[in-house]
Amino acid sequence: MRSRFARLALVLAASAAFVPAVAAAAPAAFDRRDLTGAWDRYPAPGDTNRDPTVKAPPPDMPPPPLKPDYQAAYAAEQKKVAEENATGHPPVTGYVRCLPDGMPAMMMGMFPLEVLQTKGQVTIIEEAYNQVRRVYLGEQLPSVDDAEPGFWGHSVGHWEGDVLVVDTIGIKDYVRFHNVPHSPQMRIHERIRALDKDHFEDQITVIDPQYLTGPWTWTWMYKRRPGYHLYEYVCEENREYADPVTGEQRLRVTKPGD
């Protein structure tokens, strides 16, 4: 009888020891406020390998709600650019001048993005042109006039539950998305949130009381790219240039070894 009780005690002890081991092996809960890692734009242009459980945003962006005073000039410029591209005389762009996209275009994710989260700051790095954007967690500047104009502006954010709400001011006037003009008063609002552990979205709204009749809103989505390390991207030895006489884009062609 004593031997049977001893064997039972050993079995119960082994079972008790096994429970914590099983609990420790359980997967950690998904933190929706942790976007750390490398990400690709989703879906990428021409991507046919899509996750049917994830609803992607519309592929076409809404047109900018420009005021009538600016709409005609914008339409004429877009038509001119299309004609120049069609005739093989593309206009000079920021890429020809080795300039980065700036905001909000860098969030388009033409190349992979990396998100780093540290105390008081979320850093977003775009592989293209090594663009680095810092979102400070705290209070925005008192006025847009206090922001030093830059390519990525001055971004400040805060968490509302599992949504990172970001306000960006201070974009240089010649940093334009889709050639849309803007004033120094332009603000870019973002609502960034994880949809699941492998996808997050960025809902962007552009506000500009001088040029726009109302908010210009669209959404970009991203898919996690495990194990990816961003490459160095430097616009070096660029063969495209602006013709000093005509202002058109030109391509410098050299012989091998030159």
Protein backbone atom coordinates (compact mmCIF):
# COMPACT_ATOMS: atom_id res chain seq x y z
CA MET A 1 0.00 0.00 0.00
CA ARG A 2 2.84 2.37 0.97
CA SER A 3 4.61 1.58 -2.32
CA ARG A 4 1.44 2.35 -4.34
CA PHE A 5 1.04 5.74 -2.62
CA ALA A 6 4.70 6.52 -3.31
CA ARG A 7 4.27 5.76 -7.03
CA LEU A 8 1.10 7.95 -7.14
CA ALA A 9 2.98 10.84 -5.51
CA LEU A 10 5.71 10.57 -8.15
CA VAL A 11 3.15 10.66 -10.98
CA LEU A 12 1.39 13.75 -9.53
CA ALA A 13 4.72 15.52 -9.05
CA ALA A 14 5.73 14.81 -12.64
CA SER A 15 2.37 16.10 -13.90
CA ALA A 16 2.71 19.31 -11.88
CA ALA A 17 6.18 19.85 -13.28
CA PHE A 18 4.91 19.34 -16.85
CA VAL A 19 2.16 22.03 -16.68
CA PRO A 20 4.50 25.05 -16.44
CA ALA A 21 6.59 23.65 -19.30
CA VAL A 22 3.53 23.48 -21.54
CA ALA A 23 2.46 27.00 -20.52
CA ALA A 24 5.95 28.36 -21.25
CA ALA A 25 5.82 26.87 -24.75
CA ALA A 26 2.61 28.75 -25.60
CA PRO A 27 3.10 31.52 -28.21
CA ALA A 28 3.39 35.06 -26.94
CA ALA A 29 0.40 37.34 -27.43
CA PHE A 30 0.54 39.58 -30.51
CA ASP A 31 1.31 43.19 -29.58
CA ARG A 32 -0.57 45.47 -31.97
CA ARG A 33 1.54 48.43 -30.90
CA ASP A 34 4.78 46.78 -32.02
CA LEU A 35 5.48 47.40 -35.72
CA THR A 36 9.20 46.66 -35.49
CA GLY A 37 10.60 44.91 -38.55
CA ALA A 38 10.91 45.10 -42.33
CA TRP A 39 7.84 45.57 -44.52
CA ASP A 40 6.88 45.54 -48.20
CA ARG A 41 4.07 47.52 -49.81
CA TYR A 42 1.01 45.27 -50.10
CA PRO A 43 -0.09 44.34 -52.60
CA ALA A 44 2.93 45.15 -54.73
CA PRO A 45 2.21 46.15 -58.34
CA GLY A 46 1.57 43.00 -60.34
CA ASP A 47 1.53 40.82 -57.21
CA THR A 48 -0.72 37.80 -57.76
CA ASN A 49 0.24 35.98 -54.55
CA ARG A 50 -2.24 37.72 -52.27
CA ASP A 51 -3.65 36.61 -48.94
CA PRO A 52 -7.40 36.08 -49.48
CA THR A 53 -8.09 36.78 -45.80
CA VAL A 54 -6.64 40.31 -46.00
CA LYS A 55 -8.68 42.99 -47.72
CA ALA A 56 -6.31 45.24 -49.61
CA PRO A 57 -7.09 48.95 -50.17
CA PRO A 58 -8.28 50.13 -53.60
CA PRO A 59 -5.38 50.19 -56.11
CA ASP A 60 -6.34 53.62 -57.45
CA MET A 61 -6.00 56.71 -55.33
CA PRO A 62 -8.74 59.35 -55.34
CA PRO A 63 -7.83 62.51 -57.26
CA PRO A 64 -6.75 65.50 -55.19
CA PRO A 65 -9.72 67.77 -54.32
CA LEU A 66 -8.05 70.89 -55.64
CA LYS A 67 -9.89 74.20 -55.59
CA PRO A 68 -11.10 75.45 -58.99
CA ASP A 69 -8.41 78.15 -59.04
CA TYR A 70 -5.73 75.44 -59.13
CA GLN A 71 -7.52 72.53 -60.81
CA ALA A 72 -7.12 73.78 -64.39
CA ALA A 73 -3.39 74.44 -64.04
CA TYR A 74 -2.89 71.04 -62.40
CA ALA A 75 -4.81 69.22 -65.16
CA ALA A 76 -2.81 71.03 -67.83
CA GLU A 77 0.47 70.08 -66.16
CA GLN A 78 -0.56 66.43 -65.85
CA LYS A 79 -1.50 66.38 -69.54
CA LYS A 80 1.83 67.95 -70.48
CA VAL A 81 3.76 65.34 -68.47
CA ALA A 82 1.80 62.49 -70.08
CA GLU A 83 2.51 63.85 -73.56
CA GLU A 84 6.21 64.30 -72.83
CA ASN A 85 6.48 60.73 -71.57
CA ALA A 86 4.58 59.41 -74.59
CA THR A 87 6.91 61.18 -77.03
CA GLY A 88 10.07 59.96 -75.29
CA HIS A 89 10.95 63.34 -73.77
CA PRO A 90 10.21 62.78 -70.06
CA PRO A 91 10.34 65.83 -67.79
CA VAL A 92 13.02 66.34 -65.21
CA THR A 93 11.91 64.96 -61.84
CA GLY A 94 13.38 64.83 -58.38
CA TYR A 95 14.75 61.38 -59.21
CA VAL A 96 16.82 62.88 -62.02
CA ARG A 97 18.27 65.28 -59.46
CA CYS A 98 18.85 62.43 -56.98
CA LEU A 99 16.34 63.93 -54.54
CA PRO A 100 14.38 61.71 -52.13
CA ASP A 101 10.60 61.31 -52.25
CA GLY A 102 9.84 63.10 -49.01
CA MET A 103 6.42 62.92 -47.36
CA PRO A 104 3.99 61.42 -47.99
CA ALA A 105 5.48 59.62 -51.02
CA MET A 106 8.15 57.78 -49.03
CA MET A 107 5.38 55.88 -47.23
CA MET A 108 4.30 54.49 -50.60
CA GLY A 109 6.88 51.75 -49.99
CA MET A 110 8.35 51.64 -53.49
CA PHE A 111 11.20 49.74 -51.83
CA PRO A 112 11.03 47.94 -48.46
CA LEU A 113 10.46 49.88 -45.25
CA GLU A 114 11.92 49.28 -41.82
CA VAL A 115 10.21 50.35 -38.60
CA LEU A 116 12.22 50.80 -35.41
CA GLN A 117 10.55 51.62 -32.10
CA THR A 118 12.48 53.15 -29.23
CA LYS A 119 11.49 55.12 -26.16
CA GLY A 120 9.66 58.26 -27.26
CA GLN A 121 10.17 57.69 -30.98
CA VAL A 122 9.11 55.60 -33.97
CA THR A 123 11.66 55.63 -36.79
CA ILE A 124 10.63 54.70 -40.32
CA ILE A 125 13.37 54.00 -42.86
CA GLU A 126 12.71 53.68 -46.59
CA GLU A 127 15.33 51.72 -48.50
CA ALA A 128 15.00 54.03 -51.52
CA TYR A 129 17.44 56.93 -51.05
CA ASN A 130 18.07 55.86 -47.44
CA GLN A 131 15.18 58.05 -46.32
CA VAL A 132 14.81 58.30 -42.55
CA ARG A 133 11.71 59.68 -40.92
CA ARG A 134 11.36 60.23 -37.19
CA VAL A 135 7.98 60.30 -35.46
CA TYR A 136 8.37 61.81 -32.01
CA LEU A 137 5.87 60.70 -29.40
CA GLY A 138 4.67 63.85 -27.67
CA GLU A 139 3.23 67.26 -28.43
CA GLN A 140 3.29 68.93 -31.84
CA LEU A 141 4.93 72.33 -32.31
CA PRO A 142 2.67 75.30 -31.48
CA SER A 143 2.52 76.44 -35.12
CA VAL A 144 3.52 75.25 -38.58
CA ASP A 145 5.74 78.34 -38.71
CA ASP A 146 7.86 76.77 -35.95
CA ALA A 147 8.75 73.77 -38.14
CA GLU A 148 11.94 73.89 -40.20
CA PRO A 149 10.84 72.91 -43.73
CA GLY A 150 12.21 69.57 -44.84
CA PHE A 151 11.58 66.59 -47.07
CA TRP A 152 9.87 64.59 -44.32
CA GLY A 153 8.64 67.45 -42.19
CA HIS A 154 8.21 67.41 -38.43
CA SER A 155 6.18 64.37 -37.35
CA VAL A 156 4.68 63.94 -33.89
CA GLY A 157 2.47 61.06 -32.82
CA HIS A 158 0.61 59.44 -29.96
CA TRP A 159 -1.16 56.15 -29.39
CA GLU A 160 -4.93 55.94 -29.29
CA GLY A 161 -5.38 52.36 -28.20
CA ASP A 162 -3.58 50.30 -30.84
CA VAL A 163 -3.59 53.13 -33.44
CA LEU A 164 -0.56 55.39 -33.90
CA VAL A 165 -1.95 58.84 -34.76
CA VAL A 166 0.64 61.05 -36.47
CA ASP A 167 0.58 64.74 -37.45
CA THR A 168 3.22 66.05 -39.87
CA ILE A 169 3.94 69.69 -40.73
CA GLY A 170 6.77 71.58 -42.41
CA ILE A 171 7.08 70.01 -45.88
CA LYS A 172 9.17 71.93 -48.42
CA ASP A 173 6.99 73.54 -51.08
CA TYR A 174 8.75 71.74 -53.94
CA VAL A 175 8.29 68.32 -52.31
CA ARG A 176 5.11 67.27 -54.08
CA PHE A 177 3.14 64.05 -54.29
CA HIS A 178 1.66 63.40 -57.73
CA ASN A 179 2.73 66.94 -58.64
CA VAL A 180 0.02 68.36 -56.37
CA PRO A 181 0.95 71.86 -55.11
CA HIS A 182 0.63 72.70 -51.45
CA SER A 183 1.02 75.61 -49.07
CA PRO A 184 3.18 75.90 -45.94
CA GLN A 185 -0.03 75.26 -43.96
CA MET A 186 -0.40 71.72 -45.27
CA ARG A 187 -0.72 69.01 -42.65
CA ILE A 188 -0.49 65.26 -43.14
CA HIS A 189 -2.52 63.15 -40.73
CA GLU A 190 -1.92 59.41 -40.40
CA ARG A 191 -3.62 56.57 -38.59
CA ILE A 192 -1.24 53.62 -38.51
CA ARG A 193 -2.47 50.31 -37.14
CA ALA A 194 -1.62 46.63 -37.27
CA LEU A 195 -4.25 44.44 -38.91
CA ASP A 196 -2.55 41.23 -37.79
CA LYS A 197 1.01 40.22 -37.00
CA ASP A 198 1.99 40.32 -40.69
CA HIS A 199 0.08 43.34 -42.03
CA PHE A 200 -0.37 46.98 -41.08
CA GLU A 201 -2.01 49.92 -42.79
CA ASP A 202 -1.40 53.65 -42.97
CA GLN A 203 -4.47 55.80 -43.59
CA ILE A 204 -3.20 59.15 -44.84
CA THR A 205 -5.19 62.38 -44.96
CA VAL A 206 -3.78 65.58 -46.45
CA ILE A 207 -5.27 68.86 -45.26
CA ASP A 208 -4.48 72.15 -46.98
CA PRO A 209 -7.02 74.99 -46.65
CA GLN A 210 -5.30 77.03 -49.36
CA TYR A 211 -5.24 74.46 -52.17
CA LEU A 212 -7.77 71.76 -51.27
CA THR A 213 -11.54 71.92 -50.91
CA GLY A 214 -11.44 69.21 -48.26
CA PRO A 215 -9.45 66.23 -46.96
CA TRP A 216 -7.54 64.07 -49.45
CA THR A 217 -7.53 60.56 -48.00
CA TRP A 218 -6.19 57.19 -49.08
CA THR A 219 -4.73 54.05 -47.47
CA TRP A 220 -1.50 52.13 -48.02
CA MET A 221 -0.95 48.64 -46.64
CA TYR A 222 2.22 46.72 -45.84
CA LYS A 223 3.19 43.07 -45.44
CA ARG A 224 5.92 41.84 -43.12
CA ARG A 225 9.14 40.67 -44.74
CA PRO A 226 10.83 38.42 -42.15
CA GLY A 227 14.61 38.39 -42.07
CA TYR A 228 15.03 41.17 -44.65
CA HIS A 229 17.90 43.61 -44.15
CA LEU A 230 17.66 46.95 -45.91
CA TYR A 231 20.29 47.62 -48.55
CA GLU A 232 22.27 50.84 -48.87
CA TYR A 233 20.71 52.96 -51.60
CA VAL A 234 22.77 55.90 -52.84
CA CYS A 235 22.03 57.89 -55.99
CA GLU A 236 25.59 57.65 -57.27
CA GLU A 237 26.89 58.13 -60.83
CA ASN A 238 23.41 59.02 -62.03
CA ARG A 239 23.36 59.11 -65.85
CA GLU A 240 20.18 61.17 -66.08
CA TYR A 241 20.47 64.94 -66.08
CA ALA A 242 18.63 68.12 -67.03
CA ASP A 243 19.62 69.62 -70.37
CA PRO A 244 21.04 73.09 -69.55
CA VAL A 245 19.48 74.57 -72.68
CA THR A 246 16.06 72.94 -73.06
CA GLY A 247 15.55 71.77 -69.47
CA GLU A 248 14.52 68.33 -70.74
CA GLN A 249 15.66 65.09 -69.22
CA ARG A 250 18.70 63.57 -70.91
CA LEU A 251 20.54 60.28 -70.56
CA ARG A 252 24.33 60.37 -70.55
CA VAL A 253 25.66 57.37 -72.50
CA THR A 254 29.33 56.46 -72.28
CA LYS A 255 31.53 53.77 -73.70
CA PRO A 256 32.60 50.86 -71.49
CA GLY A 257 35.50 51.97 -69.35
CA ASP A 258 34.72 55.70 -69.58
